[in-house]
Protein backbone atom coordinates (compact mmCIF):
# COMPACT_ATOMS: atom_id res chain seq x y z
CA MET A 1 -42.08 38.74 -86.59
CA PRO A 2 -42.43 37.73 -82.87
CA LEU A 3 -40.69 41.00 -81.94
CA LEU A 4 -42.87 43.16 -84.18
CA ARG A 5 -45.86 43.44 -81.84
CA PRO A 6 -43.92 44.58 -78.72
CA LEU A 7 -41.91 47.00 -80.85
CA LEU A 8 -45.09 48.53 -82.25
CA ALA A 9 -46.62 48.69 -78.76
CA ALA A 10 -43.54 50.58 -77.50
CA ALA A 11 -43.57 53.05 -80.39
CA LEU A 12 -46.22 55.40 -78.93
CA PRO A 13 -44.74 55.57 -75.39
CA VAL A 14 -41.28 56.22 -76.84
CA ALA A 15 -42.76 58.94 -79.06
CA LEU A 16 -44.45 60.60 -76.05
CA LEU A 17 -41.21 60.60 -74.07
CA ALA A 18 -39.29 61.89 -77.09
CA GLY A 19 -41.87 64.67 -77.46
CA ALA A 20 -41.33 65.67 -73.83
CA PHE A 21 -37.55 65.74 -74.41
CA ALA A 22 -38.02 67.89 -77.50
CA LEU A 23 -40.24 70.33 -75.61
CA VAL A 24 -37.68 70.68 -72.83
CA GLN A 25 -34.85 71.24 -75.31
CA ARG A 26 -36.80 73.82 -77.34
CA PRO A 27 -39.38 75.55 -75.10
CA ALA A 28 -39.54 78.42 -77.60
CA ALA A 29 -41.18 76.00 -80.04
CA ILE A 30 -44.45 76.57 -78.15
CA PRO A 31 -46.11 79.64 -79.73
CA PRO A 32 -47.04 82.47 -77.36
CA SER A 33 -50.72 81.77 -77.94
CA LEU A 34 -50.25 78.35 -76.33
CA ASP A 35 -48.25 79.51 -73.30
CA GLY A 36 -51.07 78.35 -71.10
CA LEU A 37 -50.12 74.76 -71.91
CA LYS A 38 -46.95 75.18 -69.84
CA THR A 39 -49.07 75.76 -66.75
CA TYR A 40 -52.27 73.88 -67.44
CA GLY A 41 -51.15 71.17 -69.87
CA PRO A 42 -50.12 68.63 -67.18
CA TRP A 43 -53.37 69.20 -65.28
CA VAL A 44 -55.44 68.74 -68.44
CA ALA A 45 -53.60 65.50 -69.24
CA LEU A 46 -53.95 64.20 -65.68
CA GLY A 47 -57.63 65.15 -65.63
CA ALA A 48 -58.21 63.36 -68.94
CA ALA A 49 -56.54 60.22 -67.59
CA ALA A 50 -58.61 60.31 -64.40
CA LEU A 51 -61.93 61.00 -66.17
CA LEU A 52 -61.37 58.27 -68.73
CA ALA A 53 -60.41 55.84 -65.98
CA ILE A 54 -63.53 56.72 -63.98
CA ALA A 55 -65.69 56.28 -67.10
CA PHE A 56 -64.26 52.78 -67.64
CA ASN A 57 -64.07 51.99 -63.90
CA ARG A 58 -60.29 51.61 -63.94
CA GLY A 59 -59.49 52.49 -60.34
CA ARG A 60 -55.77 51.77 -60.58
CA ILE A 61 -55.36 54.40 -63.28
CA VAL A 62 -57.41 56.90 -61.25
CA PHE A 63 -55.07 56.49 -58.28
CA ALA A 64 -51.98 56.49 -60.48
CA ALA A 65 -53.08 59.84 -61.92
CA ALA A 66 -53.76 61.07 -58.37
CA LEU A 67 -50.24 60.12 -57.23
CA ILE A 68 -48.58 61.88 -60.15
CA GLY A 69 -50.93 64.86 -59.75
CA LEU A 70 -49.96 65.23 -56.08
CA ALA A 71 -46.28 65.21 -57.05
CA HIS A 72 -46.96 67.90 -59.64
CA TYR A 73 -48.84 69.97 -57.05
CA ALA A 74 -45.83 69.67 -54.72
CA TYR A 75 -43.57 70.78 -57.56
CA ARG A 76 -45.68 73.85 -58.33
CA THR A 77 -46.21 74.77 -54.67
CA TRP A 78 -42.81 74.17 -53.08
CA ILE A 79 -40.13 72.77 -55.38
CA GLU A 80 -40.31 75.22 -58.29
CA PRO A 81 -40.47 78.44 -56.19
CA GLY A 82 -37.56 77.45 -53.90
CA PRO A 83 -35.99 74.02 -54.45
CA ASP A 84 -33.60 74.39 -51.49
CA SER A 85 -36.22 75.16 -48.84
CA LEU A 86 -36.94 72.53 -46.20
CA ALA A 87 -40.50 71.99 -47.46
CA ALA A 88 -39.29 71.62 -51.07
CA ARG A 89 -36.55 69.13 -50.12
CA ALA A 90 -39.04 67.05 -48.10
CA ALA A 91 -41.62 67.12 -50.89
CA TYR A 92 -39.06 66.21 -53.54
CA ALA A 93 -37.54 63.30 -51.61
CA GLY A 94 -40.99 62.06 -50.62
CA ALA A 95 -42.20 62.18 -54.23
CA CYS A 96 -39.10 60.33 -55.48
CA VAL A 97 -39.78 57.51 -53.02
CA LEU A 98 -43.55 57.34 -52.66
CA VAL A 99 -44.78 57.99 -56.22
CA PRO A 100 -42.81 55.13 -57.89
CA ALA A 101 -43.55 52.81 -54.96
CA GLY A 102 -47.25 53.63 -55.11
CA LEU A 103 -47.38 53.12 -58.88
CA ALA A 104 -45.62 49.76 -58.57
CA ALA A 105 -48.09 48.69 -55.89
CA LEU A 106 -50.98 49.64 -58.20
CA ALA A 107 -49.42 47.54 -60.97
CA TRP A 108 -49.63 44.46 -58.75
CA LEU A 109 -52.97 45.13 -57.05
CA GLU A 110 -56.13 43.65 -58.53
CA GLU A 111 -58.51 46.00 -60.32
CA ARG A 112 -61.28 46.90 -57.85
CA GLY A 113 -62.82 49.99 -59.39
CA VAL A 114 -63.11 53.35 -57.66
CA ALA A 115 -66.24 53.96 -55.60
CA ASN A 116 -66.05 51.08 -53.12
CA VAL A 117 -64.25 50.06 -49.94
CA HIS A 118 -61.12 49.04 -51.88
CA GLY A 119 -60.96 52.46 -53.50
CA ALA A 120 -61.42 54.11 -50.11
CA ILE A 121 -58.54 52.10 -48.63
CA ARG A 122 -56.25 53.07 -51.51
CA ALA A 123 -57.26 56.72 -51.25
CA LEU A 124 -56.55 56.66 -47.50
CA ALA A 125 -53.12 55.13 -48.10
CA ILE A 126 -52.22 57.92 -50.53
CA ALA A 127 -53.58 60.55 -48.15
CA GLY A 128 -51.58 59.06 -45.27
CA ALA A 129 -48.36 59.23 -47.30
CA CYS A 130 -49.06 62.89 -48.14
CA VAL A 131 -49.72 63.72 -44.49
CA LEU A 132 -46.44 62.05 -43.48
CA VAL A 133 -44.41 64.07 -46.02
CA ALA A 134 -46.20 67.29 -45.09
CA TRP A 135 -45.56 66.66 -41.39
CA ILE A 136 -41.85 66.05 -41.98
CA GLY A 137 -41.40 69.09 -44.20
CA GLY A 138 -43.73 71.47 -42.44
CA SER A 139 -42.68 71.06 -38.83
CA GLY A 140 -39.04 72.12 -39.11
CA ARG A 141 -37.62 68.61 -38.84
CA THR A 142 -34.37 69.42 -40.60
CA ALA A 143 -32.58 66.30 -39.35
CA ALA A 144 -35.36 64.05 -40.63
CA VAL A 145 -35.29 65.72 -44.06
CA ASN A 146 -31.50 65.55 -44.23
CA SER A 147 -31.63 61.83 -43.43
CA LEU A 148 -33.64 61.27 -46.63
CA TYR A 149 -30.66 62.58 -48.62
CA LEU A 150 -27.93 60.56 -46.90
CA PRO A 151 -25.95 58.41 -49.37
CA LEU A 152 -26.58 54.71 -48.93
CA ALA A 153 -23.34 53.67 -50.63
CA SER A 154 -20.35 55.16 -52.41
CA LEU A 155 -21.20 55.05 -56.12
CA PRO A 156 -18.54 57.01 -58.03
CA TRP A 157 -19.86 55.75 -61.36
CA LEU A 158 -23.35 57.20 -60.74
CA PRO A 159 -24.05 60.23 -62.97
CA PRO A 160 -24.90 63.44 -61.07
CA THR A 161 -28.60 63.60 -60.18
CA PRO A 162 -30.65 65.58 -57.65
CA ILE A 163 -32.56 62.40 -56.78
CA PRO A 164 -31.39 61.09 -53.38
CA GLN A 165 -30.05 57.55 -53.34
CA LEU A 166 -33.09 56.40 -51.36
CA GLY A 167 -35.23 57.73 -54.20
CA LEU A 168 -33.04 56.01 -56.81
CA VAL A 169 -33.47 52.70 -55.00
CA ALA A 170 -37.24 53.23 -54.88
CA ILE A 171 -37.39 54.15 -58.58
CA VAL A 172 -35.28 51.19 -59.77
CA ALA A 173 -37.09 48.69 -57.52
CA SER A 174 -40.51 50.07 -58.47
CA LEU A 175 -39.74 50.03 -62.19
CA ALA A 176 -38.51 46.44 -61.91
CA ALA A 177 -41.66 45.45 -59.99
CA ALA A 178 -43.96 47.14 -62.51
CA CYS A 179 -42.12 45.58 -65.47
CA THR A 180 -42.43 42.17 -63.81
CA ALA A 181 -46.17 42.70 -63.38
CA ALA A 182 -46.40 43.78 -67.02
CA TYR A 183 -44.47 40.68 -68.15
CA PHE A 184 -46.64 38.21 -66.27
CA ARG A 185 -50.03 39.86 -66.70
CA ARG A 186 -49.46 41.39 -70.14
CA THR A 187 -52.31 43.87 -69.88
CA PRO A 188 -52.16 47.54 -70.92
CA VAL A 189 -52.65 48.86 -67.38
CA GLU A 190 -49.49 47.27 -65.98
CA ILE A 191 -47.54 48.26 -69.09
CA GLY A 192 -48.81 51.84 -68.89
CA VAL A 193 -47.93 52.12 -65.20
CA ALA A 194 -44.38 50.90 -65.92
CA TRP A 195 -43.96 53.57 -68.61
CA ALA A 196 -45.42 56.19 -66.25
CA ILE A 197 -42.79 55.33 -63.62
CA LEU A 198 -40.08 55.81 -66.25
CA ALA A 199 -41.55 59.17 -67.31
CA PHE A 200 -41.78 60.31 -63.68
CA ALA A 201 -38.17 59.23 -63.03
CA ILE A 202 -36.90 61.25 -65.99
CA GLY A 203 -38.90 64.26 -64.81
CA ALA A 204 -37.52 63.92 -61.28
CA HIS A 205 -33.96 63.69 -62.64
CA THR A 206 -34.40 66.87 -64.71
CA VAL A 207 -36.44 68.72 -62.09
CA ARG A 208 -34.12 71.75 -62.07
CA THR A 209 -34.48 72.22 -65.84
CA PRO A 210 -37.29 74.66 -66.70
CA LEU A 211 -40.44 72.94 -68.01
CA ALA A 212 -38.88 69.47 -67.63
CA PHE A 213 -40.92 68.14 -64.73
CA PRO A 214 -44.28 69.41 -66.07
CA ALA A 215 -43.43 68.02 -69.52
CA PHE A 216 -42.76 64.54 -68.19
CA VAL A 217 -45.78 64.69 -65.88
CA ALA A 218 -47.87 65.40 -68.97
CA ALA A 219 -46.13 62.50 -70.75
CA ALA A 220 -46.85 60.18 -67.80
CA ALA A 221 -50.51 61.24 -67.85
CA ALA A 222 -50.71 60.67 -71.60
CA LEU A 223 -49.25 57.18 -71.08
CA LEU A 224 -52.03 56.48 -68.57
CA VAL A 225 -54.62 57.68 -71.10
CA VAL A 226 -53.14 55.28 -73.67
CA ALA A 227 -53.28 52.47 -71.09
CA VAL A 228 -57.00 53.08 -70.43
CA LEU A 229 -57.83 53.17 -74.15
CA ARG A 230 -55.82 50.03 -74.91
CA ASP A 231 -57.32 48.20 -71.96
CA SER A 232 -60.82 49.17 -73.07
CA TYR A 233 -60.03 47.95 -76.58
CA ARG A 234 -58.72 44.68 -75.15
CA MET A 235 -61.90 44.16 -73.13
CA ALA A 236 -64.10 44.89 -76.13
CA PHE A 237 -62.18 42.92 -78.75
CA ARG A 238 -60.37 40.13 -76.87
CA ASP A 239 -61.76 37.12 -75.06
CA GLU A 240 -60.60 37.21 -71.45
CA LEU A 241 -60.48 33.44 -70.92
CA THR A 242 -58.55 32.38 -74.02
CA GLY A 243 -56.75 35.59 -74.97
CA LEU A 244 -57.95 35.25 -78.57
CA PRO A 245 -59.64 38.12 -80.40
CA GLY A 246 -63.39 37.98 -79.91
CA ARG A 247 -66.39 38.05 -82.22
CA ARG A 248 -66.40 41.82 -82.56
CA ALA A 249 -62.78 41.71 -83.71
CA LEU A 250 -63.75 39.02 -86.25
CA ASP A 251 -66.55 41.18 -87.63
CA GLU A 252 -64.23 44.14 -88.10
CA ARG A 253 -61.49 42.00 -89.64
CA LEU A 254 -63.92 40.49 -92.14
CA LYS A 255 -65.00 43.97 -93.24
CA ALA A 256 -61.36 44.85 -93.94
CA THR A 257 -60.47 41.57 -95.70
CA GLY A 258 -60.31 41.40 -99.47
CA ARG A 259 -62.58 39.45 -101.77
CA ARG A 260 -60.66 36.17 -101.45
CA TYR A 261 -60.74 34.41 -98.09
CA ALA A 262 -61.87 31.27 -96.31
CA VAL A 263 -63.54 30.88 -92.93
CA ALA A 264 -63.32 27.80 -90.73
CA MET A 265 -65.72 27.16 -87.85
CA VAL A 266 -64.22 25.00 -85.11
CA ASP A 267 -66.26 23.32 -82.37
CA VAL A 268 -64.99 21.30 -79.38
CA ASP A 269 -66.51 17.82 -79.53
CA HIS A 270 -68.62 16.72 -76.53
CA PHE A 271 -67.82 19.91 -74.63
CA LYS A 272 -70.93 19.64 -72.45
CA ARG A 273 -69.77 16.17 -71.45
CA PHE A 274 -66.46 17.64 -70.20
CA ASN A 275 -68.31 20.21 -68.11
CA ASP A 276 -70.81 17.70 -66.70
CA ALA A 277 -68.16 15.07 -65.89
CA HIS A 278 -65.31 17.25 -64.64
CA GLY A 279 -66.73 20.69 -63.84
CA HIS A 280 -66.40 24.11 -65.40
CA ASP A 281 -62.75 24.49 -64.35
CA VAL A 282 -61.82 21.57 -66.60
CA GLY A 283 -64.05 23.01 -69.31
CA ASP A 284 -62.06 26.25 -69.10
CA GLN A 285 -58.81 24.26 -69.35
CA VAL A 286 -60.13 22.58 -72.50
CA LEU A 287 -61.03 25.91 -74.10
CA LYS A 288 -57.60 27.34 -73.25
CA LEU A 289 -55.90 24.28 -74.73
CA VAL A 290 -57.85 24.48 -77.98
CA ALA A 291 -57.31 28.25 -78.18
CA SER A 292 -53.55 27.89 -77.73
CA ARG A 293 -53.42 25.38 -80.61
CA LEU A 294 -55.65 27.52 -82.82
CA ALA A 295 -53.47 30.57 -82.20
CA GLY A 296 -50.56 28.70 -83.81
CA VAL A 297 -52.42 27.57 -86.93
CA ALA A 298 -50.28 27.71 -90.09
CA GLY A 299 -51.18 29.04 -93.51
CA GLY A 300 -51.76 32.63 -92.43
CA GLY A 301 -54.84 31.72 -90.39
CA ILE A 302 -56.10 34.08 -87.67
CA ALA A 303 -58.03 32.51 -84.78
CA PHE A 304 -60.99 34.08 -82.96
CA ARG A 305 -63.27 33.02 -80.10
CA TYR A 306 -66.73 32.97 -81.67
CA GLY A 307 -68.68 32.06 -78.55
CA GLY A 308 -69.07 29.19 -76.09
CA GLU A 309 -67.00 26.25 -77.30
CA GLU A 310 -66.94 27.53 -80.88
CA PHE A 311 -64.01 29.22 -82.57
CA THR A 312 -63.38 30.77 -85.98
CA ILE A 313 -60.27 30.81 -88.15
CA LEU A 314 -59.99 33.35 -90.94
CA PHE A 315 -57.64 32.62 -93.87
CA PRO A 316 -57.21 35.89 -95.83
CA GLY A 317 -56.20 35.41 -99.46
CA ARG A 318 -56.92 31.65 -99.49
CA ASP A 319 -59.71 29.42 -100.67
CA ALA A 320 -61.12 26.44 -98.80
CA ASP A 321 -58.93 23.82 -100.50
CA GLU A 322 -55.79 25.76 -99.56
CA ALA A 323 -56.92 26.00 -95.95
CA VAL A 324 -57.79 22.30 -95.53
CA PRO A 325 -54.20 20.94 -95.09
CA HIS A 326 -53.54 23.42 -92.32
CA LEU A 327 -56.85 22.60 -90.67
CA GLU A 328 -56.15 18.86 -90.88
CA GLN A 329 -52.79 19.40 -89.21
CA LEU A 330 -54.48 21.50 -86.53
CA ARG A 331 -57.15 18.86 -85.92
CA ALA A 332 -54.53 16.10 -85.59
CA ASP A 333 -52.42 18.23 -83.27
CA ILE A 334 -55.34 18.80 -80.90
CA ALA A 335 -56.45 15.16 -81.00
CA GLY A 336 -52.93 13.91 -80.25
CA TYR A 337 -52.45 16.06 -77.17
CA ARG A 338 -53.12 14.50 -73.76
CA MET A 339 -54.25 17.11 -71.25
CA ALA A 340 -53.40 16.41 -67.60
CA LEU A 341 -56.28 17.27 -65.28
CA ARG A 342 -55.55 19.53 -62.35
CA ALA A 343 -55.97 17.54 -59.16
CA PRO A 344 -58.35 19.12 -56.64
CA ASP A 345 -55.53 19.46 -54.06
CA ARG A 346 -52.88 20.65 -56.53
CA PRO A 347 -51.60 24.17 -55.81
CA ARG A 348 -52.74 26.79 -58.28
CA ARG A 349 -49.40 28.58 -58.28
CA THR A 350 -47.51 27.66 -61.42
CA ARG A 351 -44.16 26.88 -59.80
CA SER A 352 -45.50 24.75 -56.93
CA GLY A 353 -47.96 23.10 -59.31
CA LYS A 354 -45.13 22.06 -61.62
CA ARG A 355 -43.31 20.40 -58.71
CA ARG A 356 -46.44 18.33 -58.05
CA ARG A 357 -46.76 17.13 -61.64
CA GLY A 358 -45.66 13.58 -61.98
CA ALA A 359 -45.49 13.11 -58.19
CA SER A 360 -48.51 10.82 -58.37
CA GLY A 361 -48.72 8.04 -60.89
CA GLY A 362 -52.52 8.22 -60.84
CA THR A 363 -52.77 11.62 -62.52
CA LYS A 364 -55.79 11.69 -64.81
CA SER A 365 -55.59 12.95 -68.35
CA LEU A 366 -57.98 13.32 -71.22
CA SER A 367 -57.86 14.02 -74.91
CA VAL A 368 -59.85 16.59 -76.86
CA THR A 369 -61.05 16.54 -80.43
CA VAL A 370 -62.59 19.22 -82.61
CA SER A 371 -64.86 19.23 -85.63
CA ILE A 372 -64.18 21.77 -88.36
CA GLY A 373 -66.21 23.18 -91.22
CA VAL A 374 -64.63 25.46 -93.80
CA ALA A 375 -66.08 27.61 -96.56
CA ALA A 376 -64.66 30.20 -98.93
CA ARG A 377 -66.15 33.37 -100.28
CA THR A 378 -67.74 32.87 -103.70
CA PRO A 379 -69.83 35.07 -106.02
CA ARG A 380 -72.92 33.29 -104.67
CA ARG A 381 -72.01 33.90 -101.02
CA ASP A 382 -70.20 37.20 -101.22
CA GLN A 383 -71.11 38.49 -97.73
CA PRO A 384 -69.19 37.42 -94.59
CA GLU A 385 -72.41 36.26 -92.93
CA ALA A 386 -73.10 33.89 -95.81
CA VAL A 387 -69.57 32.46 -95.66
CA ILE A 388 -69.84 31.89 -91.90
CA LYS A 389 -73.23 30.17 -92.32
CA ALA A 390 -71.80 27.91 -95.01
CA ALA A 391 -68.84 27.02 -92.77
CA ASP A 392 -71.28 26.38 -89.92
CA ARG A 393 -73.29 23.96 -92.08
CA ALA A 394 -70.08 22.15 -93.00
CA LEU A 395 -69.20 21.98 -89.30
CA TYR A 396 -72.46 20.22 -88.47
CA ARG A 397 -71.88 17.77 -91.31
CA ALA A 398 -68.55 17.00 -89.67
CA LYS A 399 -70.31 16.38 -86.37
CA ARG A 400 -72.96 14.16 -87.95
CA GLY A 401 -70.21 12.29 -89.81
CA GLY A 402 -68.52 11.16 -86.60
CA ARG A 403 -66.70 14.27 -85.30
CA ASP A 404 -62.92 14.83 -85.25
CA ARG A 405 -62.91 15.68 -88.93
CA VAL A 406 -62.81 18.53 -91.43
CA GLU A 407 -65.64 19.16 -93.89
CA VAL A 408 -65.63 21.63 -96.82
CA ALA A 409 -68.74 23.56 -97.84
């Protein structure tokens, strides 16, 4: 089961790339009435990616679409009409190096939107790279263009490819950098950019095959569209601090759940005291700790961030009595965990922070407890709102009864 989610997430990108392969292998499959797609399809896909990204203020996707669009313009203008001309060779080598490198840089840069000074700097960087390539290819600098194609090493095992070795190095390094960003940040934008680099690399490798480069440009653009949509879904349905699904996701899940379920409301005890005594940074650490424990609840429970220091656990197909043992185990697990406080001078980087742990015997720690109220759907409370209210009343009984306990409605 841990592998199911990444496999499902990869299914759509793989399908898009497979569709591009199929189109290249069987161009006659496109009916004559849709011949315009061969010319305008990539531009429509790139435009859709850019417009969606602008609508959701996703500047990195806007500039990713711009980079790929510029490469496609170079293909249509110079590479496709005469791939062996000096301008075409300069444009092709420049695209193989600069597009993957630019996409990898966007994967690591922070999201800053579009219409601001950060967007202007990124736009100027892309424009500067285009001017450099145009200057090399358009001023008769044959030696400079030839130097881009010089082999860097003897690689007899390398399959034949028109991509110069400098471009191969850029593609492999950029794909590794983007995948690393995707691994550590785990957001749809970084993942989409990594897939877009792969699609561009395949298109560059098959550039001499009719329709291949436009097909994979369209696939790369579609991958960026998917990234924008998934990122927007994540922002709407997932809590940014804890990573748990948010209240809107809970509402939708309750509507799709059957007639037998239990809901537990979980509240961090004395949370205001943590914030007042230690500051909001420690309060955030507490919420992350509780969320990480809730995410691993047994019994088929699904955890959500309800709001503030309150969380919800949904148990589809179970009643309250069946959920209680799992909630008791969860409560004990949270209460038994000692959370080390981050020292004010401790580095925030994970690796350097780990080296500092234990270096001082005076490290402070604290424990956290939660109160839990649980209620099941019954004929008398057959609406999700009524079940949540009943669980909330049970939660406050748990608080009045001394906290760090589970109460059943």
